[in-house]
Amino acid sequence: MSEEQADRYRTEAEKCRRLAERAIKQPDREAWLRLAADWLKLAEGASVRKG
């Protein structure tokens, strides 16, 4: 994977964080934040594999 791929994952994480901020229900907010965390883990993995 490339740094470009890692950047894409970070972008997806940011989208999830924004959706979490707008979520009305706590379970929805938590789900968005979990997805954001998963995207960030993918980004970290993509960066590590590159190096």
C-alpha atoms as a PDB file:
ATOM      1  CA  MET A   1       0.000   0.000   0.000  1.00  0.00           C
ATOM      2  CA  SER A   2       1.076   3.526  -0.585  1.00  0.00           C
ATOM      3  CA  GLU A   3       1.020   6.771   1.328  1.00  0.00           C
ATOM      4  CA  GLU A   4      -1.704   7.820  -1.116  1.00  0.00           C
ATOM      5  CA  GLN A   5      -3.817   4.927   0.151  1.00  0.00           C
ATOM      6  CA  ALA A   6      -3.071   5.900   3.766  1.00  0.00           C
ATOM      7  CA  ASP A   7      -4.194   9.471   3.013  1.00  0.00           C
ATOM      8  CA  ARG A   8      -7.446   8.150   1.582  1.00  0.00           C
ATOM      9  CA  TYR A   9      -8.034   6.161   4.767  1.00  0.00           C
ATOM     10  CA  ARG A  10      -7.348   9.248   6.879  1.00  0.00           C
ATOM     11  CA  THR A  11      -9.872  11.183   4.796  1.00  0.00           C
ATOM     12  CA  GLU A  12     -12.482   8.501   5.417  1.00  0.00           C
ATOM     13  CA  ALA A  13     -11.727   8.643   9.153  1.00  0.00           C
ATOM     14  CA  GLU A  14     -12.287  12.395   9.141  1.00  0.00           C
ATOM     15  CA  LYS A  15     -15.632  11.957   7.365  1.00  0.00           C
ATOM     16  CA  CYS A  16     -16.685   9.494  10.049  1.00  0.00           C
ATOM     17  CA  ARG A  17     -15.672  11.906  12.810  1.00  0.00           C
ATOM     18  CA  ARG A  18     -17.766  14.658  11.222  1.00  0.00           C
ATOM     19  CA  LEU A  19     -20.745  12.332  10.974  1.00  0.00           C
ATOM     20  CA  ALA A  20     -20.270  11.397  14.625  1.00  0.00           C
ATOM     21  CA  GLU A  21     -20.430  15.078  15.569  1.00  0.00           C
ATOM     22  CA  ARG A  22     -23.773  15.376  13.786  1.00  0.00           C
ATOM     23  CA  ALA A  23     -25.271  12.166  15.142  1.00  0.00           C
ATOM     24  CA  ILE A  24     -28.244  12.710  17.396  1.00  0.00           C
ATOM     25  CA  LYS A  25     -28.242   9.340  19.141  1.00  0.00           C
ATOM     26  CA  GLN A  26     -25.313   8.213  21.271  1.00  0.00           C
ATOM     27  CA  PRO A  27     -25.154   4.698  19.739  1.00  0.00           C
ATOM     28  CA  ASP A  28     -24.883   6.245  16.276  1.00  0.00           C
ATOM     29  CA  ARG A  29     -22.139   8.607  17.448  1.00  0.00           C
ATOM     30  CA  GLU A  30     -20.210   5.712  18.955  1.00  0.00           C
ATOM     31  CA  ALA A  31     -20.565   3.645  15.795  1.00  0.00           C
ATOM     32  CA  TRP A  32     -19.178   6.489  13.644  1.00  0.00           C
ATOM     33  CA  LEU A  33     -16.265   6.933  16.022  1.00  0.00           C
ATOM     34  CA  ARG A  34     -15.488   3.197  15.881  1.00  0.00           C
ATOM     35  CA  LEU A  35     -15.473   3.385  12.102  1.00  0.00           C
ATOM     36  CA  ALA A  36     -13.149   6.383  12.256  1.00  0.00           C
ATOM     37  CA  ALA A  37     -10.789   4.426  14.502  1.00  0.00           C
ATOM     38  CA  ASP A  38     -10.845   1.496  12.084  1.00  0.00           C
ATOM     39  CA  TRP A  39      -9.977   3.774   9.154  1.00  0.00           C
ATOM     40  CA  LEU A  40      -7.067   5.210  11.134  1.00  0.00           C
ATOM     41  CA  LYS A  41      -5.775   1.703  11.896  1.00  0.00           C
ATOM     42  CA  LEU A  42      -5.848   0.956   8.176  1.00  0.00           C
ATOM     43  CA  ALA A  43      -3.976   4.191   7.490  1.00  0.00           C
ATOM     44  CA  GLU A  44      -1.318   3.300  10.049  1.00  0.00           C
ATOM     45  CA  GLY A  45      -0.936  -0.142   8.539  1.00  0.00           C
ATOM     46  CA  ALA A  46      -0.596   1.298   5.050  1.00  0.00           C
ATOM     47  CA  SER A  47       2.096   3.716   6.211  1.00  0.00           C
ATOM     48  CA  VAL A  48       4.043   1.023   8.067  1.00  0.00           C
ATOM     49  CA  ARG A  49       4.003  -1.382   5.115  1.00  0.00           C
ATOM     50  CA  LYS A  50       5.331   1.333   2.840  1.00  0.00           C
ATOM     51  CA  GLY A  51       8.363   2.009   5.040  1.00  0.00           C
END
